[in-house]
Amino acid sequence: MTESSTVAAANANQPQFLGHPVGLYVCFLTEMWERFSFYGMKYLLLLYLTKYHLFSDAGGLDVLGSYAGLVYAMPVIGGMLADRYLGMRKAVTFGAILLCLGHLGLAYEGFQAYVENGVIVQDTGAIQVFYFSLALIIMGVGFLKPNISTIVGQLYGKEDARRDSGFTIFYMGINTGSFIATLLVTYIGESYGWGYGFGLAGIGMVLGLIVFLAGQKYLYGYAEPSNPALLKEKVFAGLDREWLIYLATIPALFVMWQLVQYNPVVHNTLLGLSFVVLVGIIWFMVTQCTKEERDRMMVLIVLTISTVVFWALFEQSASSMTLYADRVMDREVFGFSTTAGQYGALNPMFIITLAPFFAWLWIFLAKRNMEPSTPVKFALGIIQAGLGFGALVLGAQFPNEAGLVGAGWMVLAYMLHTMGELCLSPVGLSAVTKLAVHKVVGVMMGAWFLATAYSELLATQLAKLAAIEVPAGETVEVSAALAGYTELFSFLLYVGIGIGVFMLCISPWLKKRMHGVH
C-alpha cells in the first residue's frame, strides 16, 4: 500500500462532521480566534497610540510599520522550525501561548498622556510594556500562522476531492474571526477603554488555544514532529533541542522588543535582505536554470514585485484610511454611531460575500476559454486597489455641512480593494508553486512573504505623506486634514492605475514566458 493510499484510508476512518474531518473544525476555530485577536488589535493600534499616548502620526505609523513588517516576516522562520524540528502541534501551541501573553500585556494602558506647559507627558513604562507585548505577538504569529494551515492540508489525502472545499471552510473561519473582531474589539476599545478592547482580543486568543488543545485527538498525529528523537537530543548545556528552541525565543523577544521601536532599522534590514535574496535568485537563474525555467522564474519575480505595490496600497486600511475615518468622515450610519476602527470589518465582510462569486466567475470564464491569465488577474487587482482610493478622492468633493465625508465612500473603497484582493491573492501562492524551479520553491515562498513584509513597511511610509503634525493639546482641523488625505489618495489612485495598466501591457509577454503554466 502506498503512503498516499495509507493516508487516505486513515482519513476515511476519522469522525466526520458535515462531510469533513472533525479536525478541520478544530483548526477552523483555532484560526478564527487567532484572527479575532490579531485583527481586533491591528485596527486599534494606531488610534491607541495617537489618541491615548499622544504619539505623532509619523511616530504611530513607524510603530505600526515595524510591527506589521516583522509579523509578516517571522512566519518564514516559524514554518522552518516546525518543518524541521517541532512539528506543527508544538509550534501552534507555543505560538498561541506567546500570543495570549502578548494580548495580556496590551491590556495594561498606564496613565493617559497629557500636555503640561506645551510638553507631552507620557507613561514611558506603559509604552515599553506595549512594545514588549507587540514582540510577544510577533513571535507568536511566527510560530502559529504558517503551521495551522499546514495541519488542515494534512487532514486530507492528496487526491481527496474535499480538500479544496475544506480550505474554503477554513478560509471562511479566518474572515469570520476578522469580521467579528474588527466590529466588536474596536468598538469596545474606542468606546469603553483601550485596555478592554485589547483584553477582549486576548480572551479570543485564549479561547483559540483551549479549542486547539482540547481537539488534539482529532488531528490523529498529523501535526506531530517528523523525528521526535531529534527533539530529545542534548545539544547545548544539557538542554535538548526542543527546550533550546523555546529558550532561544527569549533573546529573540528582546531583539523584537527593540526593533519594533526603531522603524528605520527594520526597514533597512528588510530592504537589504530583499536585495540579497533577489541577487541570489538571479544568480541561480543565470547559472543553473534552463531557458524555460529562467523565463518562468523571471515571471515570478515580476509578479512578486507587483504584489509589493498592491499590498502597499491595500494596507492603507489600518493606517491612513483608519485615521481618515477617525478625523474627516461622518460616521453616523442610519442613526447609529460607528467607530473608525470598525470600518476595517468591511474587508472580511466583502470577502465572505464576494469570494463565492469570484470562484464561480473564474470557472464560468474558464469553460469558455475566457479566464484571464495570472498576470492579467494581478493587473486587475492593482487597478482596483487604485480605484478604491479614487472613491475616496471623489467623496472628498461632496462633504456635508460640517466638512465631513459620507461613510458610503469608504464602503465603496473597501469593496474595490477587496475585489482587487480576490483577483490577486488567491492565485499568488499557487503561482509560486507552479512557476518556481522545484529545488528553490521554499526560497521563492520565503521571498513572497518577504515581499509582503516589506510592503507593510512601505504602506506606512506612504501613509506618512499625509501625516498631520498637531500642536500639543490642539485638535485636528477637518478641512486641512481632508486636503492632506485627498492629496495622498490621489497619488495612490494614479500609482495603482499606472502600475496596473503597465502590468496589463506586459501580460502577453509574461504569459508567453510562463510556457503553458496556467
Protein backbone atom coordinates (compact mmCIF):
# COMPACT_ATOMS: atom_id res chain seq x y z
CA MET A 1 0.00 0.00 0.00
CA THR A 2 1.41 3.43 -0.97
CA GLU A 3 1.82 6.30 1.50
CA SER A 4 -0.98 8.30 -0.14
CA SER A 5 -3.40 5.35 -0.01
CA THR A 6 -2.47 4.76 3.65
CA VAL A 7 -3.23 8.41 4.45
CA ALA A 8 -6.49 8.19 2.50
CA ALA A 9 -7.52 5.06 4.44
CA ALA A 10 -6.67 6.74 7.76
CA ASN A 11 -8.61 9.86 6.80
CA ALA A 12 -11.63 7.79 5.84
CA ASN A 13 -11.81 6.43 9.40
CA GLN A 14 -11.83 9.88 11.02
CA PRO A 15 -15.06 11.12 12.67
CA GLN A 16 -16.82 13.41 10.21
CA PHE A 17 -18.97 16.50 10.66
CA LEU A 18 -20.88 17.93 7.71
CA GLY A 19 -18.80 15.77 5.39
CA HIS A 20 -15.38 16.88 6.68
CA PRO A 21 -12.94 15.62 9.33
CA VAL A 22 -13.69 16.99 12.79
CA GLY A 23 -10.05 18.13 12.89
CA LEU A 24 -10.90 20.74 10.24
CA TYR A 25 -13.26 22.46 12.67
CA VAL A 26 -10.63 22.36 15.42
CA CYS A 27 -8.28 24.26 13.08
CA PHE A 28 -11.15 26.47 11.89
CA LEU A 29 -12.00 27.63 15.43
CA THR A 30 -8.35 27.99 16.46
CA GLU A 31 -7.56 30.20 13.47
CA MET A 32 -10.84 32.10 13.81
CA TRP A 33 -9.97 33.13 17.38
CA GLU A 34 -6.36 33.88 16.41
CA ARG A 35 -7.58 36.21 13.66
CA PHE A 36 -10.10 37.64 16.13
CA SER A 37 -7.22 38.70 18.35
CA PHE A 38 -4.92 39.79 15.51
CA TYR A 39 -7.34 41.97 13.55
CA GLY A 40 -9.05 43.38 16.61
CA MET A 41 -5.69 44.62 17.85
CA LYS A 42 -4.47 45.73 14.41
CA TYR A 43 -7.19 48.32 13.89
CA LEU A 44 -6.87 49.69 17.43
CA LEU A 45 -3.10 50.07 17.32
CA LEU A 46 -2.65 53.41 15.55
CA LEU A 47 -5.70 55.02 17.16
CA TYR A 48 -4.48 53.94 20.60
CA LEU A 49 -1.01 55.40 20.09
CA THR A 50 -2.16 58.72 18.62
CA LYS A 51 -5.21 59.33 20.84
CA TYR A 52 -4.17 57.81 24.20
CA HIS A 53 -0.38 58.11 24.32
CA LEU A 54 -0.42 61.21 22.03
CA PHE A 55 2.12 59.90 19.53
CA SER A 56 2.53 61.99 16.41
CA ASP A 57 1.06 60.49 13.22
CA ALA A 58 4.56 59.75 11.96
CA GLY A 59 5.59 58.13 15.26
CA GLY A 60 2.49 55.95 15.40
CA LEU A 61 2.87 54.92 11.77
CA ASP A 62 6.50 53.95 12.37
CA VAL A 63 5.45 51.60 15.17
CA LEU A 64 2.63 50.14 13.06
CA GLY A 65 5.02 49.63 10.13
CA SER A 66 7.69 47.92 12.23
CA TYR A 67 5.13 45.66 13.85
CA ALA A 68 3.36 44.74 10.60
CA GLY A 69 6.61 44.15 8.72
CA LEU A 70 8.01 41.88 11.43
CA VAL A 71 4.74 40.00 11.94
CA TYR A 72 4.70 39.04 8.26
CA ALA A 73 8.39 38.16 8.16
CA MET A 74 8.56 35.86 11.20
CA PRO A 75 6.32 33.04 9.84
CA VAL A 76 9.15 32.13 7.45
CA ILE A 77 11.30 31.17 10.46
CA GLY A 78 8.41 29.64 12.43
CA GLY A 79 7.43 27.45 9.50
CA MET A 80 11.01 26.26 9.05
CA LEU A 81 11.38 25.33 12.74
CA ALA A 82 8.10 23.41 12.64
CA ASP A 83 9.03 21.54 9.46
CA ARG A 84 12.48 20.50 10.65
CA TYR A 85 12.06 20.02 14.36
CA LEU A 86 8.97 20.92 16.41
CA GLY A 87 6.11 19.64 14.30
CA MET A 88 3.01 21.72 13.77
CA ARG A 89 1.17 20.92 17.03
CA LYS A 90 4.00 22.08 19.29
CA ALA A 91 4.65 25.16 17.13
CA VAL A 92 0.98 26.21 17.12
CA THR A 93 0.62 25.63 20.88
CA PHE A 94 3.78 27.60 21.69
CA GLY A 95 2.75 30.41 19.33
CA ALA A 96 -0.71 30.60 20.89
CA ILE A 97 0.77 30.87 24.40
CA LEU A 98 3.01 33.75 23.27
CA LEU A 99 0.01 35.46 21.68
CA CYS A 100 -2.05 35.15 24.88
CA LEU A 101 0.78 36.70 26.90
CA GLY A 102 1.16 39.50 24.34
CA HIS A 103 -2.51 40.45 24.47
CA LEU A 104 -2.47 40.30 28.26
CA GLY A 105 0.34 42.87 28.20
CA LEU A 106 -1.53 45.12 25.76
CA ALA A 107 -4.44 45.34 28.20
CA TYR A 108 -2.19 47.40 30.52
CA GLU A 109 -2.67 51.03 29.49
CA GLY A 110 -0.82 53.04 32.13
CA PHE A 111 -1.87 56.66 32.55
CA GLN A 112 -3.13 58.68 29.60
CA ALA A 113 -0.65 61.12 28.10
CA TYR A 114 -1.30 64.79 28.83
CA VAL A 115 0.10 68.17 27.92
CA GLU A 116 1.89 70.25 30.54
CA ASN A 117 3.36 73.64 29.61
CA GLY A 118 3.21 72.66 25.94
CA VAL A 119 5.10 69.39 26.52
CA ILE A 120 3.52 65.94 26.14
CA VAL A 121 3.96 63.79 29.26
CA GLN A 122 3.73 60.06 28.51
CA ASP A 123 3.78 56.91 30.64
CA THR A 124 7.08 55.58 29.28
CA GLY A 125 6.86 52.42 31.40
CA ALA A 126 3.46 51.52 29.96
CA ILE A 127 4.74 52.24 26.46
CA GLN A 128 7.64 49.82 26.99
CA VAL A 129 5.17 47.17 28.19
CA PHE A 130 3.23 47.86 24.99
CA TYR A 131 6.35 47.36 22.83
CA PHE A 132 7.26 44.11 24.60
CA SER A 133 3.69 42.88 24.16
CA LEU A 134 3.99 43.54 20.43
CA ALA A 135 7.22 41.50 20.44
CA LEU A 136 5.36 38.58 22.04
CA ILE A 137 2.63 38.82 19.40
CA ILE A 138 5.18 38.98 16.56
CA MET A 139 6.89 35.81 17.81
CA GLY A 140 3.56 34.11 18.49
CA VAL A 141 2.24 34.74 15.00
CA GLY A 142 5.56 33.48 13.62
CA PHE A 143 5.05 30.09 15.26
CA LEU A 144 1.28 29.76 14.77
CA LYS A 145 0.34 31.32 11.43
CA PRO A 146 2.24 29.15 8.90
CA ASN A 147 1.53 25.87 10.68
CA ILE A 148 -2.20 25.86 11.36
CA SER A 149 -2.88 25.95 7.59
CA THR A 150 -0.46 23.06 7.04
CA ILE A 151 -2.38 20.94 9.56
CA VAL A 152 -5.57 21.44 7.51
CA GLY A 153 -3.78 20.07 4.44
CA GLN A 154 -2.60 17.03 6.39
CA LEU A 155 -6.18 16.06 7.25
CA TYR A 156 -6.89 15.23 3.62
CA GLY A 157 -5.22 12.84 1.19
CA LYS A 158 -3.65 14.48 -1.86
CA GLU A 159 -6.38 13.07 -4.09
CA ASP A 160 -9.23 13.81 -1.65
CA ALA A 161 -11.92 15.70 -3.59
CA ARG A 162 -12.96 17.51 -0.39
CA ARG A 163 -9.59 19.19 0.02
CA ASP A 164 -10.44 22.48 -1.73
CA SER A 165 -13.80 22.83 -0.01
CA GLY A 166 -12.08 22.12 3.32
CA PHE A 167 -9.69 25.00 2.75
CA THR A 168 -12.64 27.18 1.72
CA ILE A 169 -14.34 26.46 5.06
CA PHE A 170 -11.06 27.22 6.85
CA TYR A 171 -10.66 30.47 4.89
CA MET A 172 -14.17 31.50 5.92
CA GLY A 173 -13.14 30.90 9.53
CA ILE A 174 -10.30 33.37 9.13
CA ASN A 175 -12.59 36.03 7.73
CA THR A 176 -15.40 35.36 10.20
CA GLY A 177 -12.93 35.96 13.03
CA SER A 178 -11.64 39.09 11.33
CA PHE A 179 -15.13 40.47 10.74
CA ILE A 180 -16.46 39.89 14.26
CA ALA A 181 -13.27 41.12 15.91
CA THR A 182 -12.95 44.31 13.91
CA LEU A 183 -16.54 45.24 14.68
CA LEU A 184 -16.52 44.27 18.34
CA VAL A 185 -12.97 44.77 19.61
CA THR A 186 -12.51 48.19 18.02
CA TYR A 187 -15.91 49.36 19.30
CA ILE A 188 -15.17 48.22 22.86
CA GLY A 189 -11.67 49.72 22.70
CA GLU A 190 -12.69 53.10 21.33
CA SER A 191 -15.92 53.44 23.32
CA TYR A 192 -15.18 51.91 26.73
CA GLY A 193 -11.40 51.80 27.09
CA TRP A 194 -8.40 50.67 25.08
CA GLY A 195 -7.45 48.05 27.66
CA TYR A 196 -10.89 46.46 27.39
CA GLY A 197 -10.53 46.19 23.62
CA PHE A 198 -7.06 44.67 23.76
CA GLY A 199 -8.17 42.43 26.62
CA LEU A 200 -11.14 41.16 24.62
CA ALA A 201 -8.81 40.32 21.75
CA GLY A 202 -6.66 38.39 24.23
CA ILE A 203 -9.67 36.45 25.53
CA GLY A 204 -10.31 35.41 21.93
CA MET A 205 -6.80 34.01 21.67
CA VAL A 206 -7.17 32.11 24.96
CA LEU A 207 -10.34 30.50 23.57
CA GLY A 208 -8.44 29.55 20.43
CA LEU A 209 -5.72 27.88 22.47
CA ILE A 210 -8.30 25.96 24.55
CA VAL A 211 -10.04 24.73 21.40
CA PHE A 212 -6.75 23.60 19.87
CA LEU A 213 -5.58 21.73 22.98
CA ALA A 214 -9.00 20.11 23.52
CA GLY A 215 -9.18 18.95 19.90
CA GLN A 216 -5.80 17.22 19.72
CA LYS A 217 -7.32 13.74 19.39
CA TYR A 218 -8.95 14.78 16.13
CA LEU A 219 -5.61 15.65 14.49
CA TYR A 220 -4.53 11.97 14.53
CA GLY A 221 -0.84 12.64 14.86
CA TYR A 222 -0.58 14.52 11.56
CA ALA A 223 0.77 17.58 13.40
CA GLU A 224 3.44 15.72 15.35
CA PRO A 225 7.23 16.11 14.82
CA SER A 226 8.56 14.10 11.89
CA ASN A 227 11.51 12.91 14.01
CA PRO A 228 10.70 13.07 17.77
CA ALA A 229 14.11 11.62 18.69
CA LEU A 230 15.77 14.67 17.10
CA LEU A 231 13.96 16.96 19.56
CA LYS A 232 15.24 14.96 22.55
CA GLU A 233 18.91 15.11 21.56
CA LYS A 234 21.08 17.02 24.04
CA VAL A 235 22.64 19.84 22.04
CA PHE A 236 23.79 22.58 24.44
CA ALA A 237 24.48 22.81 28.20
CA GLY A 238 22.45 19.67 28.90
CA LEU A 239 19.39 21.05 27.10
CA ASP A 240 17.58 19.03 24.47
CA ARG A 241 16.82 20.58 21.10
CA GLU A 242 13.15 21.27 21.84
CA TRP A 243 13.83 23.29 25.00
CA LEU A 244 16.70 25.08 23.30
CA ILE A 245 14.28 26.31 20.63
CA TYR A 246 11.83 27.54 23.27
CA LEU A 247 14.53 29.25 25.35
CA ALA A 248 16.11 30.82 22.25
CA THR A 249 12.83 32.71 21.90
CA ILE A 250 13.76 34.80 24.96
CA PRO A 251 16.72 36.67 23.39
CA ALA A 252 14.73 36.85 20.14
CA LEU A 253 11.92 38.56 22.06
CA PHE A 254 14.34 41.18 23.35
CA VAL A 255 15.57 41.79 19.79
CA MET A 256 11.96 42.23 18.59
CA TRP A 257 11.26 44.49 21.57
CA GLN A 258 13.96 46.86 20.37
CA LEU A 259 13.30 46.51 16.64
CA VAL A 260 9.64 47.43 16.92
CA GLN A 261 10.74 50.80 18.35
CA TYR A 262 13.20 51.59 15.55
CA ASN A 263 11.45 51.60 12.20
CA PRO A 264 14.50 52.62 10.10
CA VAL A 265 16.42 49.54 11.31
CA VAL A 266 13.54 47.21 10.38
CA HIS A 267 13.04 49.00 7.06
CA ASN A 268 16.71 48.85 6.06
CA THR A 269 17.08 45.25 7.24
CA LEU A 270 14.12 44.03 5.18
CA LEU A 271 15.22 46.10 2.20
CA GLY A 272 18.77 44.75 2.42
CA LEU A 273 17.57 41.19 2.88
CA SER A 274 15.24 41.56 -0.11
CA PHE A 275 18.16 42.77 -2.24
CA VAL A 276 20.37 39.84 -1.16
CA VAL A 277 17.59 37.34 -1.91
CA LEU A 278 16.92 38.91 -5.31
CA VAL A 279 20.62 38.80 -6.26
CA GLY A 280 20.80 35.16 -5.13
CA ILE A 281 17.75 34.22 -7.19
CA ILE A 282 19.11 35.96 -10.28
CA TRP A 283 22.45 34.17 -9.84
CA PHE A 284 20.61 30.84 -9.59
CA MET A 285 18.59 31.65 -12.72
CA VAL A 286 21.65 32.56 -14.76
CA THR A 287 23.87 29.67 -13.69
CA GLN A 288 21.55 26.73 -13.02
CA CYS A 289 18.31 27.12 -14.97
CA THR A 290 17.28 26.12 -18.46
CA LYS A 291 15.79 28.76 -20.77
CA GLU A 292 12.24 27.67 -19.88
CA GLU A 293 12.93 27.62 -16.15
CA ARG A 294 14.62 31.01 -16.37
CA ASP A 295 11.59 32.51 -18.12
CA ARG A 296 9.19 31.18 -15.52
CA MET A 297 11.34 32.42 -12.67
CA MET A 298 11.52 35.87 -14.29
CA VAL A 299 7.71 35.98 -14.47
CA LEU A 300 7.53 35.03 -10.81
CA ILE A 301 9.93 37.83 -9.85
CA VAL A 302 7.80 40.38 -11.73
CA LEU A 303 4.62 39.10 -10.08
CA THR A 304 6.24 39.17 -6.64
CA ILE A 305 7.41 42.76 -7.10
CA SER A 306 3.94 43.77 -8.30
CA THR A 307 2.42 42.41 -5.07
CA VAL A 308 4.55 44.89 -3.11
CA VAL A 309 2.67 47.66 -4.92
CA PHE A 310 -0.72 46.04 -4.32
CA TRP A 311 -0.24 45.36 -0.61
CA ALA A 312 1.32 48.79 0.00
CA LEU A 313 -1.93 50.27 -1.34
CA PHE A 314 -4.24 47.73 0.27
CA GLU A 315 -2.65 48.02 3.73
CA GLN A 316 -3.54 51.69 3.99
CA SER A 317 -6.63 50.29 5.70
CA ALA A 318 -5.06 50.14 9.17
CA SER A 319 -3.10 53.37 8.69
CA SER A 320 -4.19 56.34 6.58
CA MET A 321 -7.72 55.04 5.95
CA THR A 322 -8.33 54.46 9.67
CA LEU A 323 -7.09 57.97 10.52
CA TYR A 324 -9.25 59.30 7.67
CA ALA A 325 -12.32 57.59 9.14
CA ASP A 326 -11.49 58.97 12.58
CA ARG A 327 -10.89 62.57 11.56
CA VAL A 328 -12.74 63.56 8.40
CA MET A 329 -15.59 61.07 7.95
CA ASP A 330 -19.21 61.30 9.06
CA ARG A 331 -19.55 58.02 10.96
CA GLU A 332 -23.28 58.30 11.67
CA VAL A 333 -24.83 55.47 9.61
CA PHE A 334 -28.63 55.02 9.62
CA GLY A 335 -28.81 56.65 13.04
CA PHE A 336 -26.02 54.52 14.53
CA SER A 337 -22.68 55.96 15.61
CA THR A 338 -19.78 53.84 14.36
CA THR A 339 -16.10 53.98 15.35
CA ALA A 340 -13.19 54.49 12.97
CA GLY A 341 -11.67 51.06 13.55
CA GLN A 342 -14.93 49.27 12.73
CA TYR A 343 -14.58 50.09 9.03
CA GLY A 344 -11.78 47.53 8.83
CA ALA A 345 -14.54 44.91 9.10
CA LEU A 346 -15.66 45.79 5.58
CA ASN A 347 -12.78 43.80 4.06
CA PRO A 348 -13.65 40.41 5.61
CA MET A 349 -17.35 41.12 5.05
CA PHE A 350 -16.80 41.64 1.34
CA ILE A 351 -14.51 38.59 1.15
CA ILE A 352 -17.23 36.40 2.66
CA THR A 353 -19.89 37.79 0.32
CA LEU A 354 -17.87 38.17 -2.90
CA ALA A 355 -15.49 35.18 -2.80
CA PRO A 356 -18.17 32.69 -3.98
CA PHE A 357 -18.99 34.97 -6.92
CA PHE A 358 -15.34 35.23 -7.97
CA ALA A 359 -14.90 31.46 -7.64
CA TRP A 360 -17.93 30.98 -9.91
CA LEU A 361 -16.76 33.69 -12.32
CA TRP A 362 -13.33 32.13 -12.96
CA ILE A 363 -14.94 28.71 -13.59
CA PHE A 364 -17.57 30.27 -15.87
CA LEU A 365 -14.90 32.09 -17.89
CA ALA A 366 -12.57 29.06 -17.98
CA LYS A 367 -15.29 26.91 -19.58
CA ARG A 368 -15.46 29.46 -22.38
CA ASN A 369 -11.67 29.85 -22.68
CA MET A 370 -12.02 33.42 -21.44
CA GLU A 371 -10.44 33.21 -17.99
CA PRO A 372 -7.77 35.91 -17.55
CA SER A 373 -4.18 34.75 -17.18
CA THR A 374 -2.43 35.12 -13.82
CA PRO A 375 -0.59 38.33 -14.90
CA VAL A 376 -3.89 39.86 -16.04
CA LYS A 377 -5.53 38.97 -12.70
CA PHE A 378 -2.63 40.68 -10.92
CA ALA A 379 -3.07 43.76 -13.11
CA LEU A 380 -6.81 43.89 -12.42
CA GLY A 381 -6.13 43.57 -8.69
CA ILE A 382 -3.72 46.51 -8.66
CA ILE A 383 -6.01 48.69 -10.78
CA GLN A 384 -8.92 48.06 -8.40
CA ALA A 385 -6.71 48.93 -5.42
CA GLY A 386 -6.05 52.26 -7.11
CA LEU A 387 -9.72 52.80 -7.93
CA GLY A 388 -10.58 52.30 -4.27
CA PHE A 389 -8.69 55.49 -3.49
CA GLY A 390 -10.49 57.11 -6.41
CA ALA A 391 -13.74 56.58 -4.48
CA LEU A 392 -12.32 58.49 -1.51
CA VAL A 393 -10.99 61.27 -3.75
CA LEU A 394 -14.43 61.59 -5.35
CA GLY A 395 -16.18 61.51 -1.99
CA ALA A 396 -14.00 64.38 -0.75
CA GLN A 397 -15.69 66.61 -3.33
CA PHE A 398 -19.03 66.22 -1.55
CA PRO A 399 -18.54 66.94 2.17
CA ASN A 400 -21.53 67.70 4.41
CA GLU A 401 -22.18 70.92 6.29
CA ALA A 402 -19.56 70.01 8.89
CA GLY A 403 -16.98 69.32 6.18
CA LEU A 404 -17.12 65.56 6.75
CA VAL A 405 -17.21 62.89 4.02
CA GLY A 406 -20.03 60.35 3.90
CA ALA A 407 -19.23 56.81 5.08
CA GLY A 408 -20.61 55.32 1.85
CA TRP A 409 -17.45 56.36 0.02
CA MET A 410 -15.33 54.34 2.45
CA VAL A 411 -17.61 51.33 1.90
CA LEU A 412 -17.08 51.66 -1.86
CA ALA A 413 -13.31 51.96 -1.38
CA TYR A 414 -13.19 48.76 0.69
CA MET A 415 -15.34 46.92 -1.83
CA LEU A 416 -12.97 47.83 -4.68
CA HIS A 417 -9.92 46.91 -2.59
CA THR A 418 -11.44 43.54 -1.69
CA MET A 419 -12.33 42.81 -5.31
CA GLY A 420 -8.70 43.54 -6.13
CA GLU A 421 -7.56 41.19 -3.37
CA LEU A 422 -9.78 38.40 -4.71
CA CYS A 423 -8.20 38.83 -8.16
CA LEU A 424 -4.64 38.70 -6.87
CA SER A 425 -4.27 36.99 -3.50
CA PRO A 426 -5.80 33.52 -4.11
CA VAL A 427 -3.64 32.90 -7.20
CA GLY A 428 -0.43 34.31 -5.69
CA LEU A 429 0.83 31.36 -3.66
CA SER A 430 -0.34 29.00 -6.37
CA ALA A 431 1.81 30.91 -8.86
CA VAL A 432 4.86 30.42 -6.63
CA THR A 433 4.43 26.65 -6.52
CA LYS A 434 3.79 26.40 -10.26
CA LEU A 435 6.43 28.78 -11.62
CA ALA A 436 9.36 28.23 -9.24
CA VAL A 437 12.03 25.64 -10.04
CA HIS A 438 11.37 22.70 -7.71
CA LYS A 439 14.65 22.92 -5.80
CA VAL A 440 14.04 26.57 -4.82
CA VAL A 441 10.28 26.53 -4.16
CA GLY A 442 10.94 27.12 -0.45
CA VAL A 443 13.23 30.06 -1.20
CA MET A 444 10.68 31.61 -3.56
CA MET A 445 7.91 31.14 -0.99
CA GLY A 446 10.12 32.88 1.55
CA ALA A 447 10.76 35.68 -0.96
CA TRP A 448 7.00 36.01 -1.46
CA PHE A 449 6.40 36.50 2.27
CA LEU A 450 9.41 38.80 2.50
CA ALA A 451 7.86 40.97 -0.21
CA THR A 452 4.61 41.07 1.78
CA ALA A 453 6.51 42.08 4.91
CA TYR A 454 8.31 44.88 3.08
CA SER A 455 5.03 46.11 1.58
CA GLU A 456 3.68 46.57 5.13
CA LEU A 457 6.56 48.91 5.91
CA LEU A 458 6.14 50.70 2.59
CA ALA A 459 2.42 51.17 3.32
CA THR A 460 3.13 53.15 6.48
CA GLN A 461 5.82 55.21 4.76
CA LEU A 462 3.25 56.18 2.12
CA ALA A 463 0.71 56.99 4.84
CA LYS A 464 3.23 59.38 6.40
CA LEU A 465 2.83 61.59 3.30
CA ALA A 466 -0.47 62.67 4.87
CA ALA A 467 0.79 62.72 8.48
CA ILE A 468 -0.63 65.65 10.39
CA GLU A 469 1.51 67.38 12.97
CA VAL A 470 -0.92 68.78 15.52
CA PRO A 471 0.48 71.07 18.22
CA ALA A 472 0.27 69.52 21.70
CA GLY A 473 -3.22 69.82 23.16
CA GLU A 474 -4.88 71.05 19.95
CA THR A 475 -7.36 69.26 17.70
CA VAL A 476 -7.11 68.39 14.02
CA GLU A 477 -8.61 70.93 11.61
CA VAL A 478 -11.02 68.94 9.41
CA SER A 479 -10.55 70.89 6.17
CA ALA A 480 -6.75 70.74 6.34
CA ALA A 481 -6.80 67.04 7.20
CA LEU A 482 -9.21 66.27 4.35
CA ALA A 483 -6.99 68.13 1.89
CA GLY A 484 -3.93 66.18 3.04
CA TYR A 485 -5.61 62.78 2.80
CA THR A 486 -7.12 63.63 -0.59
CA GLU A 487 -3.69 64.54 -1.92
CA LEU A 488 -2.29 61.20 -0.69
CA PHE A 489 -5.21 59.20 -2.06
CA SER A 490 -4.96 60.96 -5.42
CA PHE A 491 -1.32 59.89 -5.63
CA LEU A 492 -2.21 56.31 -4.70
CA LEU A 493 -5.00 56.32 -7.29
CA TYR A 494 -2.53 57.19 -10.05
CA VAL A 495 0.06 54.70 -8.76
CA GLY A 496 -2.46 51.86 -8.72
CA ILE A 497 -3.90 52.57 -12.15
CA GLY A 498 -0.47 53.30 -13.66
CA ILE A 499 1.22 50.12 -12.40
CA GLY A 500 -1.90 48.07 -13.16
CA VAL A 501 -2.07 49.29 -16.76
CA PHE A 502 1.66 48.62 -17.15
CA MET A 503 1.08 45.05 -15.93
CA LEU A 504 -1.77 44.68 -18.43
CA CYS A 505 0.51 45.84 -21.24
CA ILE A 506 3.25 43.34 -20.41
CA SER A 507 0.87 40.47 -19.56
CA PRO A 508 1.11 38.88 -23.06
CA TRP A 509 4.92 38.87 -22.70
CA LEU A 510 4.64 37.36 -19.21
CA LYS A 511 2.10 34.76 -20.29
CA LYS A 512 4.33 33.63 -23.15
CA ARG A 513 7.22 33.13 -20.73
CA MET A 514 5.10 31.02 -18.39
CA HIS A 515 5.38 28.27 -21.05
CA GLY A 516 1.95 26.79 -20.60
CA VAL A 517 1.64 27.19 -16.81
CA HIS A 518 -1.88 28.45 -16.14
